[in-house]
Amino acid sequence: MHPAPVPAPRRLFLSWDDVDRLIDKLVPQFRREFDAMVMITRGGIIPGGLLAEAMGITHVLTAAVDFPFEASRDQRLMAWPQFIQFPAEDKLTGRVTLIVDDVWGSGRTITAVKNRVSAAGGFPETCVLHFNPYRSLFGTVRPDYYADVTDAHVIYPWEIARGSDRVILGEGDRL
């Protein structure tokens, strides 16, 4: 007897108008002003930029985090994060910092960044467009701010194939 096949995750494709609506849902939620923002690459760059503009945050930084690939899924979940890029401590110390990413899936990346901002003497709060409580590895912990809850695999408009990869493949219009 074979186990039942696991269904493919539901996919949710968003438009730019959908993203605007999510940003509009987030902005009124903020309980304070922020001195800084850390956008997690790559997913947090566009929502972070939109929020920084809407909220007048000028001290905008980026963090790039990788979790090394291990042989098994369980080992991957236990891997320590590698910070490829992270702001210097003096850019975070004493600052109320909004950490932005597109989605909280497992929660590992944004939690690693939050802990590092806190260790640098900052006061971090987390923000995502989508929170997936069904994949989170942190029990009842959730982002401080989120626009929507979903169990779907979200495809944001900036993730749709375009640009140099399409030109190389001969799919793009040539100028």
C-alpha atoms as a PDB file:
ATOM      1  CA  MET A   1       0.000   0.000   0.000  1.00  0.00           C
ATOM      2  CA  HIS A   2       1.434   3.346  -1.063  1.00  0.00           C
ATOM      3  CA  PRO A   3       0.983   6.550   0.928  1.00  0.00           C
ATOM      4  CA  ALA A   4      -1.377   9.114  -0.549  1.00  0.00           C
ATOM      5  CA  PRO A   5       0.397  11.683  -2.715  1.00  0.00           C
ATOM      6  CA  VAL A   6       0.960  15.035  -1.080  1.00  0.00           C
ATOM      7  CA  PRO A   7      -0.979  17.707  -2.965  1.00  0.00           C
ATOM      8  CA  ALA A   8       0.970  20.600  -4.429  1.00  0.00           C
ATOM      9  CA  PRO A   9       0.643  23.761  -2.359  1.00  0.00           C
ATOM     10  CA  ARG A  10      -2.017  26.199  -3.452  1.00  0.00           C
ATOM     11  CA  ARG A  11      -0.523  29.142  -5.348  1.00  0.00           C
ATOM     12  CA  LEU A  12      -1.636  32.726  -4.945  1.00  0.00           C
ATOM     13  CA  PHE A  13      -0.602  35.153  -7.714  1.00  0.00           C
ATOM     14  CA  LEU A  14      -0.671  38.827  -6.727  1.00  0.00           C
ATOM     15  CA  SER A  15      -0.882  41.961  -8.836  1.00  0.00           C
ATOM     16  CA  TRP A  16       0.714  45.307  -8.038  1.00  0.00           C
ATOM     17  CA  ASP A  17      -2.750  46.519  -6.974  1.00  0.00           C
ATOM     18  CA  ASP A  18      -2.911  43.608  -4.502  1.00  0.00           C
ATOM     19  CA  VAL A  19       0.459  44.667  -3.071  1.00  0.00           C
ATOM     20  CA  ASP A  20      -0.777  48.276  -2.733  1.00  0.00           C
ATOM     21  CA  ARG A  21      -3.801  47.009  -0.782  1.00  0.00           C
ATOM     22  CA  LEU A  22      -1.543  44.980   1.528  1.00  0.00           C
ATOM     23  CA  ILE A  23       0.672  48.019   2.204  1.00  0.00           C
ATOM     24  CA  ASP A  24      -2.490  50.040   2.917  1.00  0.00           C
ATOM     25  CA  LYS A  25      -3.503  47.379   5.478  1.00  0.00           C
ATOM     26  CA  LEU A  26      -0.097  47.494   7.181  1.00  0.00           C
ATOM     27  CA  VAL A  27       0.492  51.226   7.618  1.00  0.00           C
ATOM     28  CA  PRO A  28      -2.370  51.843  10.110  1.00  0.00           C
ATOM     29  CA  GLN A  29      -1.194  48.909  12.262  1.00  0.00           C
ATOM     30  CA  PHE A  30       2.096  50.499  13.326  1.00  0.00           C
ATOM     31  CA  ARG A  31       2.059  51.465  16.994  1.00  0.00           C
ATOM     32  CA  ARG A  32       5.142  53.702  16.903  1.00  0.00           C
ATOM     33  CA  GLU A  33       7.576  55.552  14.707  1.00  0.00           C
ATOM     34  CA  PHE A  34      10.677  53.704  13.571  1.00  0.00           C
ATOM     35  CA  ASP A  35      14.221  55.081  13.541  1.00  0.00           C
ATOM     36  CA  ALA A  36      15.444  52.487  11.050  1.00  0.00           C
ATOM     37  CA  MET A  37      14.374  49.709   8.730  1.00  0.00           C
ATOM     38  CA  VAL A  38      16.173  46.485   7.836  1.00  0.00           C
ATOM     39  CA  MET A  39      14.897  44.930   4.607  1.00  0.00           C
ATOM     40  CA  ILE A  40      15.655  41.238   4.187  1.00  0.00           C
ATOM     41  CA  THR A  41      16.927  40.449   0.706  1.00  0.00           C
ATOM     42  CA  ARG A  42      15.467  39.738  -1.669  1.00  0.00           C
ATOM     43  CA  GLY A  43      11.795  39.448  -0.739  1.00  0.00           C
ATOM     44  CA  GLY A  44      11.718  42.379   1.668  1.00  0.00           C
ATOM     45  CA  ILE A  45      13.240  44.976  -0.642  1.00  0.00           C
ATOM     46  CA  ILE A  46      10.112  46.039  -2.520  1.00  0.00           C
ATOM     47  CA  PRO A  47       7.649  45.970   0.401  1.00  0.00           C
ATOM     48  CA  GLY A  48      10.323  47.623   2.556  1.00  0.00           C
ATOM     49  CA  GLY A  49      10.837  50.385   0.016  1.00  0.00           C
ATOM     50  CA  LEU A  50       7.105  51.007  -0.221  1.00  0.00           C
ATOM     51  CA  LEU A  51       6.770  51.121   3.572  1.00  0.00           C
ATOM     52  CA  ALA A  52       9.845  53.343   4.020  1.00  0.00           C
ATOM     53  CA  GLU A  53       8.370  55.831   1.568  1.00  0.00           C
ATOM     54  CA  ALA A  54       4.895  55.713   3.137  1.00  0.00           C
ATOM     55  CA  MET A  55       6.278  56.130   6.667  1.00  0.00           C
ATOM     56  CA  GLY A  56       9.118  58.541   5.957  1.00  0.00           C
ATOM     57  CA  ILE A  57      11.846  56.169   7.172  1.00  0.00           C
ATOM     58  CA  THR A  58      15.192  57.327   5.762  1.00  0.00           C
ATOM     59  CA  HIS A  59      17.600  55.072   7.690  1.00  0.00           C
ATOM     60  CA  VAL A  60      17.092  52.002   5.445  1.00  0.00           C
ATOM     61  CA  LEU A  61      19.448  49.021   5.616  1.00  0.00           C
ATOM     62  CA  THR A  62      19.567  45.488   4.184  1.00  0.00           C
ATOM     63  CA  ALA A  63      20.344  42.036   5.518  1.00  0.00           C
ATOM     64  CA  ALA A  64      21.055  38.921   3.484  1.00  0.00           C
ATOM     65  CA  VAL A  65      20.740  35.580   5.249  1.00  0.00           C
ATOM     66  CA  ASP A  66      21.359  32.051   4.059  1.00  0.00           C
ATOM     67  CA  PHE A  67      20.658  28.741   5.719  1.00  0.00           C
ATOM     68  CA  PRO A  68      23.187  26.202   4.430  1.00  0.00           C
ATOM     69  CA  PHE A  69      21.786  23.241   2.584  1.00  0.00           C
ATOM     70  CA  GLU A  70      22.197  20.019   4.514  1.00  0.00           C
ATOM     71  CA  ALA A  71      21.527  16.433   3.455  1.00  0.00           C
ATOM     72  CA  SER A  72      18.121  15.983   5.062  1.00  0.00           C
ATOM     73  CA  ARG A  73      15.153  18.275   5.702  1.00  0.00           C
ATOM     74  CA  ASP A  74      15.586  17.892   9.475  1.00  0.00           C
ATOM     75  CA  GLN A  75      19.240  18.946   9.251  1.00  0.00           C
ATOM     76  CA  ARG A  76      18.250  21.983   7.126  1.00  0.00           C
ATOM     77  CA  LEU A  77      15.824  23.100   9.813  1.00  0.00           C
ATOM     78  CA  MET A  78      18.577  22.861  12.433  1.00  0.00           C
ATOM     79  CA  ALA A  79      21.195  24.817  10.416  1.00  0.00           C
ATOM     80  CA  TRP A  80      22.573  28.054  11.838  1.00  0.00           C
ATOM     81  CA  PRO A  81      22.048  31.113   9.665  1.00  0.00           C
ATOM     82  CA  GLN A  82      24.914  32.572   7.671  1.00  0.00           C
ATOM     83  CA  PHE A  83      24.723  36.345   7.423  1.00  0.00           C
ATOM     84  CA  ILE A  84      25.988  37.222   3.961  1.00  0.00           C
ATOM     85  CA  GLN A  85      25.360  40.913   4.576  1.00  0.00           C
ATOM     86  CA  PHE A  86      24.298  42.700   7.757  1.00  0.00           C
ATOM     87  CA  PRO A  87      24.400  46.325   8.959  1.00  0.00           C
ATOM     88  CA  ALA A  88      27.161  47.375  11.334  1.00  0.00           C
ATOM     89  CA  GLU A  89      26.116  47.404  14.984  1.00  0.00           C
ATOM     90  CA  ASP A  90      26.484  51.180  15.279  1.00  0.00           C
ATOM     91  CA  LYS A  91      23.751  51.573  12.631  1.00  0.00           C
ATOM     92  CA  LEU A  92      21.303  49.660  14.880  1.00  0.00           C
ATOM     93  CA  THR A  93      22.248  50.463  18.485  1.00  0.00           C
ATOM     94  CA  GLY A  94      19.466  52.334  20.254  1.00  0.00           C
ATOM     95  CA  ARG A  95      17.213  52.411  17.192  1.00  0.00           C
ATOM     96  CA  VAL A  96      13.630  51.221  17.022  1.00  0.00           C
ATOM     97  CA  THR A  97      13.979  49.088  13.889  1.00  0.00           C
ATOM     98  CA  LEU A  98      11.315  47.669  11.596  1.00  0.00           C
ATOM     99  CA  ILE A  99      12.445  44.411   9.972  1.00  0.00           C
ATOM    100  CA  VAL A 100      10.627  43.752   6.689  1.00  0.00           C
ATOM    101  CA  ASP A 101      10.271  40.635   4.559  1.00  0.00           C
ATOM    102  CA  ASP A 102       7.627  39.508   2.087  1.00  0.00           C
ATOM    103  CA  VAL A 103       6.453  36.376   3.897  1.00  0.00           C
ATOM    104  CA  TRP A 104       6.840  34.586   7.226  1.00  0.00           C
ATOM    105  CA  GLY A 105       6.912  30.915   6.226  1.00  0.00           C
ATOM    106  CA  SER A 106       9.050  28.976   8.680  1.00  0.00           C
ATOM    107  CA  GLY A 107       9.997  32.271  10.356  1.00  0.00           C
ATOM    108  CA  ARG A 108      13.691  31.341  10.563  1.00  0.00           C
ATOM    109  CA  THR A 109      15.097  34.185   8.485  1.00  0.00           C
ATOM    110  CA  ILE A 110      13.202  37.076  10.045  1.00  0.00           C
ATOM    111  CA  THR A 111      13.733  35.656  13.546  1.00  0.00           C
ATOM    112  CA  ALA A 112      17.497  35.383  12.930  1.00  0.00           C
ATOM    113  CA  VAL A 113      17.591  39.013  11.772  1.00  0.00           C
ATOM    114  CA  LYS A 114      15.437  40.163  14.707  1.00  0.00           C
ATOM    115  CA  ASN A 115      17.756  38.421  17.187  1.00  0.00           C
ATOM    116  CA  ARG A 116      20.852  39.952  15.606  1.00  0.00           C
ATOM    117  CA  VAL A 117      19.329  43.468  15.654  1.00  0.00           C
ATOM    118  CA  SER A 118      18.458  42.950  19.307  1.00  0.00           C
ATOM    119  CA  ALA A 119      21.995  41.706  20.077  1.00  0.00           C
ATOM    120  CA  ALA A 120      23.345  44.904  18.460  1.00  0.00           C
ATOM    121  CA  GLY A 121      21.329  46.976  20.920  1.00  0.00           C
ATOM    122  CA  GLY A 122      18.432  47.769  18.602  1.00  0.00           C
ATOM    123  CA  PHE A 123      14.739  47.422  19.340  1.00  0.00           C
ATOM    124  CA  PRO A 124      13.370  45.239  16.523  1.00  0.00           C
ATOM    125  CA  GLU A 125       9.802  44.659  15.402  1.00  0.00           C
ATOM    126  CA  THR A 126       8.907  42.381  12.493  1.00  0.00           C
ATOM    127  CA  CYS A 127       6.665  43.030   9.500  1.00  0.00           C
ATOM    128  CA  VAL A 128       5.619  40.864   6.538  1.00  0.00           C
ATOM    129  CA  LEU A 129       3.010  41.018   3.825  1.00  0.00           C
ATOM    130  CA  HIS A 130       1.924  37.403   4.442  1.00  0.00           C
ATOM    131  CA  PHE A 131       2.049  35.224   7.545  1.00  0.00           C
ATOM    132  CA  ASN A 132       1.758  31.444   7.146  1.00  0.00           C
ATOM    133  CA  PRO A 133       1.041  30.057  10.638  1.00  0.00           C
ATOM    134  CA  TYR A 134       0.879  26.519   9.246  1.00  0.00           C
ATOM    135  CA  ARG A 135       4.587  26.479   8.343  1.00  0.00           C
ATOM    136  CA  SER A 136       5.971  28.502  11.247  1.00  0.00           C
ATOM    137  CA  LEU A 137       8.588  26.774  13.379  1.00  0.00           C
ATOM    138  CA  PHE A 138       7.978  29.128  16.302  1.00  0.00           C
ATOM    139  CA  GLY A 139       4.697  27.895  17.766  1.00  0.00           C
ATOM    140  CA  THR A 140       2.458  30.813  18.684  1.00  0.00           C
ATOM    141  CA  VAL A 141       5.087  33.458  17.842  1.00  0.00           C
ATOM    142  CA  ARG A 142       3.996  35.605  14.937  1.00  0.00           C
ATOM    143  CA  PRO A 143       5.186  38.758  13.194  1.00  0.00           C
ATOM    144  CA  ASP A 144       4.451  42.006  15.011  1.00  0.00           C
ATOM    145  CA  TYR A 145       2.727  43.285  11.862  1.00  0.00           C
ATOM    146  CA  TYR A 146       1.291  41.415   8.874  1.00  0.00           C
ATOM    147  CA  ALA A 147      -1.226  42.271   6.198  1.00  0.00           C
ATOM    148  CA  ASP A 148      -2.710  38.828   5.543  1.00  0.00           C
ATOM    149  CA  VAL A 149      -2.684  35.193   6.668  1.00  0.00           C
ATOM    150  CA  THR A 150      -2.361  32.430   4.081  1.00  0.00           C
ATOM    151  CA  ASP A 151      -1.431  28.796   3.623  1.00  0.00           C
ATOM    152  CA  ALA A 152      -0.692  29.380  -0.072  1.00  0.00           C
ATOM    153  CA  HIS A 153       2.624  29.756  -1.849  1.00  0.00           C
ATOM    154  CA  VAL A 154       2.468  33.468  -2.733  1.00  0.00           C
ATOM    155  CA  ILE A 155       3.846  34.691  -6.053  1.00  0.00           C
ATOM    156  CA  TYR A 156       4.478  38.437  -5.886  1.00  0.00           C
ATOM    157  CA  PRO A 157       4.466  40.585  -9.040  1.00  0.00           C
ATOM    158  CA  TRP A 158       8.223  41.200  -8.783  1.00  0.00           C
ATOM    159  CA  GLU A 159       8.839  37.435  -8.932  1.00  0.00           C
ATOM    160  CA  ILE A 160       7.300  37.033 -12.372  1.00  0.00           C
ATOM    161  CA  ALA A 161       9.941  36.200 -15.008  1.00  0.00           C
ATOM    162  CA  ARG A 162      11.111  39.264 -16.914  1.00  0.00           C
ATOM    163  CA  GLY A 163      14.297  41.063 -17.716  1.00  0.00           C
ATOM    164  CA  SER A 164      17.654  39.686 -18.808  1.00  0.00           C
ATOM    165  CA  ASP A 165      16.687  36.033 -18.397  1.00  0.00           C
ATOM    166  CA  ARG A 166      13.867  36.505 -20.916  1.00  0.00           C
ATOM    167  CA  VAL A 167      16.117  38.398 -23.347  1.00  0.00           C
ATOM    168  CA  ILE A 168      18.710  35.632 -23.238  1.00  0.00           C
ATOM    169  CA  LEU A 169      15.973  33.088 -23.920  1.00  0.00           C
ATOM    170  CA  GLY A 170      14.685  35.200 -26.830  1.00  0.00           C
ATOM    171  CA  GLU A 171      11.361  35.877 -25.106  1.00  0.00           C
ATOM    172  CA  GLY A 172      11.710  39.613 -24.531  1.00  0.00           C
ATOM    173  CA  ASP A 173      11.013  42.467 -26.916  1.00  0.00           C
ATOM    174  CA  ARG A 174      14.176  44.028 -28.268  1.00  0.00           C
ATOM    175  CA  LEU A 175      14.576  47.792 -28.325  1.00  0.00           C
END
